[in-house]
All heavy atoms as atom14 arrays in JSON, in Angstrom:
{
  "sequence": "NSIRFFLQELLEKDGHRVTAVASGEEALERIAEKKFDLALVDLK",
  "atom14_mask": [
    [1, 1, 1, 1, 1, 1, 1, 1, 0, 0, 0, 0, 0, 0],
    [1, 1, 1, 1, 1, 1, 0, 0, 0, 0, 0, 0, 0, 0],
    [1, 1, 1, 1, 1, 1, 1, 1, 0, 0, 0, 0, 0, 0],
    [1, 1, 1, 1, 1, 1, 1, 1, 1, 1, 1, 0, 0, 0],
    [1, 1, 1, 1, 1, 1, 1, 1, 1, 1, 1, 0, 0, 0],
    [1, 1, 1, 1, 1, 1, 1, 1, 1, 1, 1, 0, 0, 0],
    [1, 1, 1, 1, 1, 1, 1, 1, 0, 0, 0, 0, 0, 0],
    [1, 1, 1, 1, 1, 1, 1, 1, 1, 0, 0, 0, 0, 0],
    [1, 1, 1, 1, 1, 1, 1, 1, 1, 0, 0, 0, 0, 0],
    [1, 1, 1, 1, 1, 1, 1, 1, 0, 0, 0, 0, 0, 0],
    [1, 1, 1, 1, 1, 1, 1, 1, 0, 0, 0, 0, 0, 0],
    [1, 1, 1, 1, 1, 1, 1, 1, 1, 0, 0, 0, 0, 0],
    [1, 1, 1, 1, 1, 1, 1, 1, 1, 0, 0, 0, 0, 0],
    [1, 1, 1, 1, 1, 1, 1, 1, 0, 0, 0, 0, 0, 0],
    [1, 1, 1, 1, 0, 0, 0, 0, 0, 0, 0, 0, 0, 0],
    [1, 1, 1, 1, 1, 1, 1, 1, 1, 1, 0, 0, 0, 0],
    [1, 1, 1, 1, 1, 1, 1, 1, 1, 1, 1, 0, 0, 0],
    [1, 1, 1, 1, 1, 1, 1, 0, 0, 0, 0, 0, 0, 0],
    [1, 1, 1, 1, 1, 1, 1, 0, 0, 0, 0, 0, 0, 0],
    [1, 1, 1, 1, 1, 0, 0, 0, 0, 0, 0, 0, 0, 0],
    [1, 1, 1, 1, 1, 1, 1, 0, 0, 0, 0, 0, 0, 0],
    [1, 1, 1, 1, 1, 0, 0, 0, 0, 0, 0, 0, 0, 0],
    [1, 1, 1, 1, 1, 1, 0, 0, 0, 0, 0, 0, 0, 0],
    [1, 1, 1, 1, 0, 0, 0, 0, 0, 0, 0, 0, 0, 0],
    [1, 1, 1, 1, 1, 1, 1, 1, 1, 0, 0, 0, 0, 0],
    [1, 1, 1, 1, 1, 1, 1, 1, 1, 0, 0, 0, 0, 0],
    [1, 1, 1, 1, 1, 0, 0, 0, 0, 0, 0, 0, 0, 0],
    [1, 1, 1, 1, 1, 1, 1, 1, 0, 0, 0, 0, 0, 0],
    [1, 1, 1, 1, 1, 1, 1, 1, 1, 0, 0, 0, 0, 0],
    [1, 1, 1, 1, 1, 1, 1, 1, 1, 1, 1, 0, 0, 0],
    [1, 1, 1, 1, 1, 1, 1, 1, 0, 0, 0, 0, 0, 0],
    [1, 1, 1, 1, 1, 0, 0, 0, 0, 0, 0, 0, 0, 0],
    [1, 1, 1, 1, 1, 1, 1, 1, 1, 0, 0, 0, 0, 0],
    [1, 1, 1, 1, 1, 1, 1, 1, 1, 0, 0, 0, 0, 0],
    [1, 1, 1, 1, 1, 1, 1, 1, 1, 0, 0, 0, 0, 0],
    [1, 1, 1, 1, 1, 1, 1, 1, 1, 1, 1, 0, 0, 0],
    [1, 1, 1, 1, 1, 1, 1, 1, 0, 0, 0, 0, 0, 0],
    [1, 1, 1, 1, 1, 1, 1, 1, 0, 0, 0, 0, 0, 0],
    [1, 1, 1, 1, 1, 0, 0, 0, 0, 0, 0, 0, 0, 0],
    [1, 1, 1, 1, 1, 1, 1, 1, 0, 0, 0, 0, 0, 0],
    [1, 1, 1, 1, 1, 1, 1, 0, 0, 0, 0, 0, 0, 0],
    [1, 1, 1, 1, 1, 1, 1, 1, 0, 0, 0, 0, 0, 0],
    [1, 1, 1, 1, 1, 1, 1, 1, 0, 0, 0, 0, 0, 0],
    [1, 1, 1, 1, 1, 1, 1, 1, 1, 0, 0, 0, 0, 0]
  ],
  "atom14_positions": [
    [[132.81, 173.92, 108.42], [132.38, 175.06, 109.24], [132.85, 175.03, 110.65], [133.28, 176.03, 111.19], [130.83, 175.18, 109.23], [130.28, 175.59, 107.9], [130.96, 176.24, 107.13], [129.07, 175.18, 107.62], [0.0, 0.0, 0.0], [0.0, 0.0, 0.0], [0.0, 0.0, 0.0], [0.0, 0.0, 0.0], [0.0, 0.0, 0.0], [0.0, 0.0, 0.0]],
    [[132.78, 173.87, 111.28], [133.12, 173.71, 112.68], [134.61, 174.09, 112.95], [134.97, 174.78, 113.91], [132.77, 172.37, 113.28], [133.44, 171.35, 112.53], [0.0, 0.0, 0.0], [0.0, 0.0, 0.0], [0.0, 0.0, 0.0], [0.0, 0.0, 0.0], [0.0, 0.0, 0.0], [0.0, 0.0, 0.0], [0.0, 0.0, 0.0], [0.0, 0.0, 0.0]],
    [[135.47, 173.59, 112.06], [136.91, 173.83, 112.25], [137.2, 175.37, 112.01], [137.94, 175.95, 112.75], [137.74, 173.0, 111.26], [137.62, 171.51, 111.67], [139.19, 173.47, 111.21], [138.27, 170.56, 110.74], [0.0, 0.0, 0.0], [0.0, 0.0, 0.0], [0.0, 0.0, 0.0], [0.0, 0.0, 0.0], [0.0, 0.0, 0.0], [0.0, 0.0, 0.0]],
    [[136.64, 175.87, 110.96], [136.79, 177.3, 110.61], [136.37, 178.19, 111.76], [137.06, 179.07, 112.22], [136.04, 177.58, 109.29], [136.49, 178.84, 108.64], [135.89, 179.03, 107.25], [134.42, 179.02, 107.24], [133.68, 178.08, 106.78], [134.2, 177.01, 106.16], [132.35, 178.13, 106.81], [0.0, 0.0, 0.0], [0.0, 0.0, 0.0], [0.0, 0.0, 0.0]],
    [[135.14, 177.88, 112.27], [134.59, 178.67, 113.35], [135.4, 178.58, 114.64], [135.76, 179.58, 115.27], [133.14, 178.25, 113.67], [132.51, 179.01, 114.8], [132.04, 180.27, 114.62], [132.42, 178.42, 116.06], [131.44, 180.95, 115.64], [131.82, 179.04, 117.11], [131.33, 180.38, 116.95], [0.0, 0.0, 0.0], [0.0, 0.0, 0.0], [0.0, 0.0, 0.0]],
    [[135.84, 177.37, 114.99], [136.65, 177.13, 116.18], [137.98, 177.91, 116.1], [138.34, 178.6, 117.04], [136.88, 175.64, 116.39], [137.88, 175.35, 117.52], [137.48, 175.43, 118.82], [139.18, 174.99, 117.24], [138.38, 175.22, 119.88], [140.1, 174.77, 118.24], [139.68, 174.81, 119.59], [0.0, 0.0, 0.0], [0.0, 0.0, 0.0], [0.0, 0.0, 0.0]],
    [[138.65, 177.78, 115.0], [139.99, 178.46, 114.87], [139.78, 179.97, 114.9], [140.58, 180.68, 115.5], [140.66, 178.04, 113.56], [141.21, 176.62, 113.51], [141.66, 176.25, 112.11], [142.3, 176.41, 114.54], [0.0, 0.0, 0.0], [0.0, 0.0, 0.0], [0.0, 0.0, 0.0], [0.0, 0.0, 0.0], [0.0, 0.0, 0.0], [0.0, 0.0, 0.0]],
    [[138.78, 180.44, 114.2], [138.53, 181.91, 114.19], [138.23, 182.42, 115.62], [138.86, 183.41, 116.02], [137.34, 182.21, 113.31], [137.11, 183.72, 113.17], [136.07, 184.08, 112.12], [135.5, 183.17, 111.51], [135.94, 185.35, 111.87], [0.0, 0.0, 0.0], [0.0, 0.0, 0.0], [0.0, 0.0, 0.0], [0.0, 0.0, 0.0], [0.0, 0.0, 0.0]],
    [[137.37, 181.77, 116.3], [137.08, 182.18, 117.72], [138.31, 182.14, 118.61], [138.55, 183.09, 119.34], [135.98, 181.29, 118.32], [134.59, 181.47, 117.73], [133.99, 182.84, 118.11], [134.03, 183.19, 119.27], [133.54, 183.55, 117.18], [0.0, 0.0, 0.0], [0.0, 0.0, 0.0], [0.0, 0.0, 0.0], [0.0, 0.0, 0.0], [0.0, 0.0, 0.0]],
    [[139.04, 181.12, 118.53], [140.26, 180.94, 119.33], [141.29, 182.04, 119.08], [141.79, 182.7, 119.98], [140.86, 179.56, 119.11], [142.08, 179.19, 119.91], [141.69, 178.95, 121.36], [142.74, 177.97, 119.31], [0.0, 0.0, 0.0], [0.0, 0.0, 0.0], [0.0, 0.0, 0.0], [0.0, 0.0, 0.0], [0.0, 0.0, 0.0], [0.0, 0.0, 0.0]],
    [[141.52, 182.27, 117.78], [142.53, 183.27, 117.42], [142.08, 184.73, 117.69], [142.88, 185.57, 118.09], [142.93, 183.11, 115.98], [143.68, 181.79, 115.68], [143.76, 181.5, 114.23], [145.05, 181.81, 116.33], [0.0, 0.0, 0.0], [0.0, 0.0, 0.0], [0.0, 0.0, 0.0], [0.0, 0.0, 0.0], [0.0, 0.0, 0.0], [0.0, 0.0, 0.0]],
    [[140.74, 184.98, 117.52], [140.27, 186.35, 117.8], [140.32, 186.62, 119.3], [140.58, 187.76, 119.72], [138.85, 186.5, 117.25], [138.81, 186.64, 115.74], [137.45, 186.8, 115.16], [136.44, 186.39, 115.81], [137.33, 187.23, 114.01], [0.0, 0.0, 0.0], [0.0, 0.0, 0.0], [0.0, 0.0, 0.0], [0.0, 0.0, 0.0], [0.0, 0.0, 0.0]],
    [[140.1, 185.63, 120.1], [140.21, 185.76, 121.59], [141.59, 186.18, 121.96], [141.83, 186.87, 123.0], [139.77, 184.51, 122.34], [138.28, 184.34, 122.38], [137.93, 183.08, 123.12], [136.39, 182.92, 123.11], [136.0, 181.68, 123.79], [0.0, 0.0, 0.0], [0.0, 0.0, 0.0], [0.0, 0.0, 0.0], [0.0, 0.0, 0.0], [0.0, 0.0, 0.0]],
    [[142.58, 185.8, 121.2], [144.0, 186.16, 121.5], [144.38, 187.49, 120.89], [145.52, 187.87, 120.89], [144.94, 185.06, 120.9], [145.12, 183.92, 121.89], [144.72, 184.03, 123.04], [145.66, 182.87, 121.43], [0.0, 0.0, 0.0], [0.0, 0.0, 0.0], [0.0, 0.0, 0.0], [0.0, 0.0, 0.0], [0.0, 0.0, 0.0], [0.0, 0.0, 0.0]],
    [[143.41, 188.16, 120.24], [143.62, 189.49, 119.69], [144.03, 189.57, 118.23], [144.41, 190.63, 117.79], [0.0, 0.0, 0.0], [0.0, 0.0, 0.0], [0.0, 0.0, 0.0], [0.0, 0.0, 0.0], [0.0, 0.0, 0.0], [0.0, 0.0, 0.0], [0.0, 0.0, 0.0], [0.0, 0.0, 0.0], [0.0, 0.0, 0.0], [0.0, 0.0, 0.0]],
    [[143.97, 188.46, 117.52], [144.35, 188.48, 116.15], [143.16, 188.93, 115.23], [142.01, 188.73, 115.63], [144.81, 187.08, 115.68], [145.98, 186.6, 116.47], [147.25, 187.13, 116.28], [146.1, 185.69, 117.44], [148.12, 186.51, 117.14], [147.41, 185.64, 117.81], [0.0, 0.0, 0.0], [0.0, 0.0, 0.0], [0.0, 0.0, 0.0], [0.0, 0.0, 0.0]],
    [[143.51, 189.47, 114.07], [142.47, 189.83, 113.12], [142.4, 188.68, 112.13], [143.32, 188.32, 111.42], [142.84, 191.12, 112.41], [142.8, 192.34, 113.37], [143.47, 193.52, 112.83], [144.91, 193.25, 112.88], [145.84, 194.01, 112.34], [145.5, 195.05, 111.65], [147.13, 193.68, 112.48], [0.0, 0.0, 0.0], [0.0, 0.0, 0.0], [0.0, 0.0, 0.0]],
    [[141.2, 188.02, 112.14], [141.05, 186.8, 111.34], [140.05, 186.96, 110.21], [139.0, 187.5, 110.39], [140.59, 185.66, 112.31], [140.33, 184.39, 111.53], [141.58, 185.43, 113.46], [0.0, 0.0, 0.0], [0.0, 0.0, 0.0], [0.0, 0.0, 0.0], [0.0, 0.0, 0.0], [0.0, 0.0, 0.0], [0.0, 0.0, 0.0], [0.0, 0.0, 0.0]],
    [[140.45, 186.42, 109.08], [139.58, 186.33, 107.95], [139.43, 184.81, 107.71], [140.46, 184.11, 107.53], [140.17, 186.98, 106.67], [140.35, 188.37, 106.93], [139.21, 186.82, 105.49], [0.0, 0.0, 0.0], [0.0, 0.0, 0.0], [0.0, 0.0, 0.0], [0.0, 0.0, 0.0], [0.0, 0.0, 0.0], [0.0, 0.0, 0.0], [0.0, 0.0, 0.0]],
    [[138.2, 184.32, 107.7], [137.91, 182.87, 107.51], [137.11, 182.68, 106.25], [136.05, 183.33, 106.08], [137.27, 182.28, 108.75], [0.0, 0.0, 0.0], [0.0, 0.0, 0.0], [0.0, 0.0, 0.0], [0.0, 0.0, 0.0], [0.0, 0.0, 0.0], [0.0, 0.0, 0.0], [0.0, 0.0, 0.0], [0.0, 0.0, 0.0], [0.0, 0.0, 0.0]],
    [[137.56, 181.81, 105.38], [136.84, 181.45, 104.14], [136.69, 179.98, 103.98], [137.45, 179.21, 104.54], [137.55, 182.15, 102.9], [137.56, 183.62, 103.03], [138.93, 181.53, 102.75], [0.0, 0.0, 0.0], [0.0, 0.0, 0.0], [0.0, 0.0, 0.0], [0.0, 0.0, 0.0], [0.0, 0.0, 0.0], [0.0, 0.0, 0.0], [0.0, 0.0, 0.0]],
    [[135.75, 179.57, 103.15], [135.43, 178.22, 103.01], [135.94, 177.55, 101.69], [135.77, 176.33, 101.5], [133.87, 178.03, 103.04], [0.0, 0.0, 0.0], [0.0, 0.0, 0.0], [0.0, 0.0, 0.0], [0.0, 0.0, 0.0], [0.0, 0.0, 0.0], [0.0, 0.0, 0.0], [0.0, 0.0, 0.0], [0.0, 0.0, 0.0], [0.0, 0.0, 0.0]],
    [[136.57, 178.29, 100.82], [137.03, 177.75, 99.58], [138.36, 178.35, 99.1], [138.72, 179.45, 99.54], [135.97, 177.89, 98.48], [135.83, 179.25, 98.15], [0.0, 0.0, 0.0], [0.0, 0.0, 0.0], [0.0, 0.0, 0.0], [0.0, 0.0, 0.0], [0.0, 0.0, 0.0], [0.0, 0.0, 0.0], [0.0, 0.0, 0.0], [0.0, 0.0, 0.0]],
    [[138.98, 177.64, 98.21], [140.19, 178.17, 97.58], [139.9, 179.4, 96.78], [140.72, 180.31, 96.76], [0.0, 0.0, 0.0], [0.0, 0.0, 0.0], [0.0, 0.0, 0.0], [0.0, 0.0, 0.0], [0.0, 0.0, 0.0], [0.0, 0.0, 0.0], [0.0, 0.0, 0.0], [0.0, 0.0, 0.0], [0.0, 0.0, 0.0], [0.0, 0.0, 0.0]],
    [[138.79, 179.43, 96.13], [138.4, 180.57, 95.31], [138.25, 181.85, 96.18], [138.79, 182.88, 95.85], [137.06, 180.35, 94.56], [137.15, 179.28, 93.49], [137.06, 177.85, 94.02], [136.88, 177.63, 95.19], [137.13, 176.93, 93.16], [0.0, 0.0, 0.0], [0.0, 0.0, 0.0], [0.0, 0.0, 0.0], [0.0, 0.0, 0.0], [0.0, 0.0, 0.0]],
    [[137.59, 181.68, 97.29], [137.47, 182.83, 98.24], [138.85, 183.27, 98.79], [139.09, 184.42, 98.93], [136.55, 182.45, 99.44], [135.08, 182.32, 99.14], [134.33, 181.95, 100.36], [134.26, 180.74, 100.68], [133.83, 182.88, 101.06], [0.0, 0.0, 0.0], [0.0, 0.0, 0.0], [0.0, 0.0, 0.0], [0.0, 0.0, 0.0], [0.0, 0.0, 0.0]],
    [[139.66, 182.26, 99.07], [140.98, 182.59, 99.6], [141.8, 183.42, 98.59], [142.44, 184.4, 98.95], [141.74, 181.27, 99.89], [0.0, 0.0, 0.0], [0.0, 0.0, 0.0], [0.0, 0.0, 0.0], [0.0, 0.0, 0.0], [0.0, 0.0, 0.0], [0.0, 0.0, 0.0], [0.0, 0.0, 0.0], [0.0, 0.0, 0.0], [0.0, 0.0, 0.0]],
    [[141.75, 183.07, 97.32], [142.5, 183.82, 96.33], [141.99, 185.23, 96.22], [142.78, 186.2, 96.01], [142.43, 183.08, 94.97], [143.11, 181.73, 94.91], [143.01, 181.14, 93.51], [144.58, 181.77, 95.36], [0.0, 0.0, 0.0], [0.0, 0.0, 0.0], [0.0, 0.0, 0.0], [0.0, 0.0, 0.0], [0.0, 0.0, 0.0], [0.0, 0.0, 0.0]],
    [[140.68, 185.43, 96.34], [140.13, 186.81, 96.34], [140.68, 187.58, 97.54], [141.06, 188.74, 97.37], [138.6, 186.73, 96.45], [137.95, 186.24, 95.18], [136.42, 186.05, 95.34], [135.85, 186.56, 96.34], [135.83, 185.39, 94.49], [0.0, 0.0, 0.0], [0.0, 0.0, 0.0], [0.0, 0.0, 0.0], [0.0, 0.0, 0.0], [0.0, 0.0, 0.0]],
    [[140.71, 187.0, 98.7], [141.23, 187.76, 99.85], [142.68, 188.03, 99.78], [143.16, 189.06, 100.18], [140.87, 186.93, 101.16], [139.46, 186.7, 101.52], [138.64, 187.96, 101.5], [137.22, 187.67, 101.73], [136.32, 187.31, 100.77], [136.73, 187.22, 99.55], [135.11, 187.04, 101.06], [0.0, 0.0, 0.0], [0.0, 0.0, 0.0], [0.0, 0.0, 0.0]],
    [[143.43, 187.05, 99.27], [144.86, 187.26, 99.09], [145.14, 188.38, 98.16], [146.12, 189.17, 98.38], [145.52, 185.96, 98.59], [145.44, 184.85, 99.64], [146.94, 186.18, 98.16], [145.72, 183.44, 99.17], [0.0, 0.0, 0.0], [0.0, 0.0, 0.0], [0.0, 0.0, 0.0], [0.0, 0.0, 0.0], [0.0, 0.0, 0.0], [0.0, 0.0, 0.0]],
    [[144.36, 188.56, 97.12], [144.53, 189.67, 96.18], [144.17, 191.0, 96.81], [144.7, 192.05, 96.4], [143.63, 189.43, 94.93], [0.0, 0.0, 0.0], [0.0, 0.0, 0.0], [0.0, 0.0, 0.0], [0.0, 0.0, 0.0], [0.0, 0.0, 0.0], [0.0, 0.0, 0.0], [0.0, 0.0, 0.0], [0.0, 0.0, 0.0], [0.0, 0.0, 0.0]],
    [[143.29, 191.0, 97.87], [142.82, 192.21, 98.5], [143.79, 192.71, 99.5], [143.96, 193.93, 99.72], [141.49, 192.04, 99.15], [140.35, 191.71, 98.19], [139.1, 191.27, 98.9], [139.08, 191.17, 100.11], [138.11, 191.05, 98.18], [0.0, 0.0, 0.0], [0.0, 0.0, 0.0], [0.0, 0.0, 0.0], [0.0, 0.0, 0.0], [0.0, 0.0, 0.0]],
    [[144.37, 191.83, 100.32], [145.22, 192.3, 101.44], [146.27, 191.24, 101.77], [146.18, 190.08, 101.33], [144.41, 192.67, 102.64], [143.66, 191.52, 103.33], [142.9, 192.08, 104.55], [142.18, 191.0, 105.26], [141.46, 191.53, 106.42], [0.0, 0.0, 0.0], [0.0, 0.0, 0.0], [0.0, 0.0, 0.0], [0.0, 0.0, 0.0], [0.0, 0.0, 0.0]],
    [[147.2, 191.65, 102.56], [148.31, 190.79, 103.02], [148.0, 190.18, 104.37], [147.35, 190.79, 105.18], [149.63, 191.56, 103.13], [150.05, 192.22, 101.81], [150.4, 191.21, 100.78], [150.84, 191.88, 99.48], [150.78, 191.03, 98.32], [0.0, 0.0, 0.0], [0.0, 0.0, 0.0], [0.0, 0.0, 0.0], [0.0, 0.0, 0.0], [0.0, 0.0, 0.0]],
    [[148.49, 188.98, 104.58], [148.28, 188.24, 105.83], [149.63, 187.84, 106.39], [150.58, 187.56, 105.61], [147.4, 186.98, 105.6], [146.02, 187.28, 105.16], [145.67, 187.37, 103.83], [145.05, 187.53, 106.12], [144.4, 187.65, 103.44], [143.75, 187.85, 105.76], [143.45, 187.91, 104.38], [0.0, 0.0, 0.0], [0.0, 0.0, 0.0], [0.0, 0.0, 0.0]],
    [[149.71, 187.76, 107.71], [150.94, 187.33, 108.36], [151.05, 185.79, 108.37], [152.1, 185.23, 108.34], [150.98, 187.83, 109.82], [150.94, 189.36, 109.87], [151.75, 189.99, 109.16], [150.07, 189.89, 110.6], [0.0, 0.0, 0.0], [0.0, 0.0, 0.0], [0.0, 0.0, 0.0], [0.0, 0.0, 0.0], [0.0, 0.0, 0.0], [0.0, 0.0, 0.0]],
    [[149.87, 185.17, 108.5], [149.75, 183.68, 108.6], [148.55, 183.17, 107.86], [147.5, 183.8, 107.88], [149.64, 183.32, 110.11], [149.42, 181.88, 110.48], [150.65, 181.05, 110.15], [149.05, 181.74, 111.94], [0.0, 0.0, 0.0], [0.0, 0.0, 0.0], [0.0, 0.0, 0.0], [0.0, 0.0, 0.0], [0.0, 0.0, 0.0], [0.0, 0.0, 0.0]],
    [[148.75, 182.02, 107.22], [147.59, 181.37, 106.56], [147.51, 179.92, 107.05], [148.54, 179.2, 107.05], [147.75, 181.42, 105.08], [0.0, 0.0, 0.0], [0.0, 0.0, 0.0], [0.0, 0.0, 0.0], [0.0, 0.0, 0.0], [0.0, 0.0, 0.0], [0.0, 0.0, 0.0], [0.0, 0.0, 0.0], [0.0, 0.0, 0.0], [0.0, 0.0, 0.0]],
    [[146.35, 179.51, 107.47], [146.1, 178.13, 107.89], [145.26, 177.57, 106.75], [144.12, 177.95, 106.57], [145.37, 178.08, 109.24], [146.06, 178.74, 110.41], [145.2, 178.79, 111.62], [147.38, 178.05, 110.69], [0.0, 0.0, 0.0], [0.0, 0.0, 0.0], [0.0, 0.0, 0.0], [0.0, 0.0, 0.0], [0.0, 0.0, 0.0], [0.0, 0.0, 0.0]],
    [[145.81, 176.57, 106.04], [145.19, 176.12, 104.81], [144.85, 174.6, 104.88], [145.74, 173.79, 105.12], [146.15, 176.33, 103.63], [145.5, 175.94, 102.31], [146.6, 177.81, 103.58], [0.0, 0.0, 0.0], [0.0, 0.0, 0.0], [0.0, 0.0, 0.0], [0.0, 0.0, 0.0], [0.0, 0.0, 0.0], [0.0, 0.0, 0.0], [0.0, 0.0, 0.0]],
    [[143.6, 174.31, 104.65], [143.16, 172.9, 104.5], [143.58, 172.49, 103.07], [143.23, 173.17, 102.07], [141.62, 172.82, 104.63], [141.06, 171.45, 104.47], [141.86, 170.5, 104.2], [139.84, 171.29, 104.56], [0.0, 0.0, 0.0], [0.0, 0.0, 0.0], [0.0, 0.0, 0.0], [0.0, 0.0, 0.0], [0.0, 0.0, 0.0], [0.0, 0.0, 0.0]],
    [[144.33, 171.44, 102.94], [144.84, 171.04, 101.64], [143.77, 170.37, 100.78], [143.89, 170.43, 99.54], [146.04, 170.14, 101.82], [147.27, 170.74, 102.46], [148.39, 169.73, 102.6], [147.72, 172.0, 101.66], [0.0, 0.0, 0.0], [0.0, 0.0, 0.0], [0.0, 0.0, 0.0], [0.0, 0.0, 0.0], [0.0, 0.0, 0.0], [0.0, 0.0, 0.0]],
    [[142.76, 169.77, 101.39], [141.73, 169.07, 100.64], [140.45, 169.95, 100.56], [139.57, 169.84, 101.38], [141.44, 167.72, 101.27], [142.62, 166.82, 101.24], [142.29, 165.49, 101.86], [143.51, 164.57, 101.79], [143.2, 163.26, 102.38], [0.0, 0.0, 0.0], [0.0, 0.0, 0.0], [0.0, 0.0, 0.0], [0.0, 0.0, 0.0], [0.0, 0.0, 0.0]]
  ]
}
């Protein structure tokens, strides 16, 4: 949570539109819904 929240806050302050999720399953749902320019992915 802390990493996800920190990155989201930082990137939104720079004007980016951020979607933050906590699992691979959620990520796959979002990827199917819309396109992203950048993905920051925790491998574990």
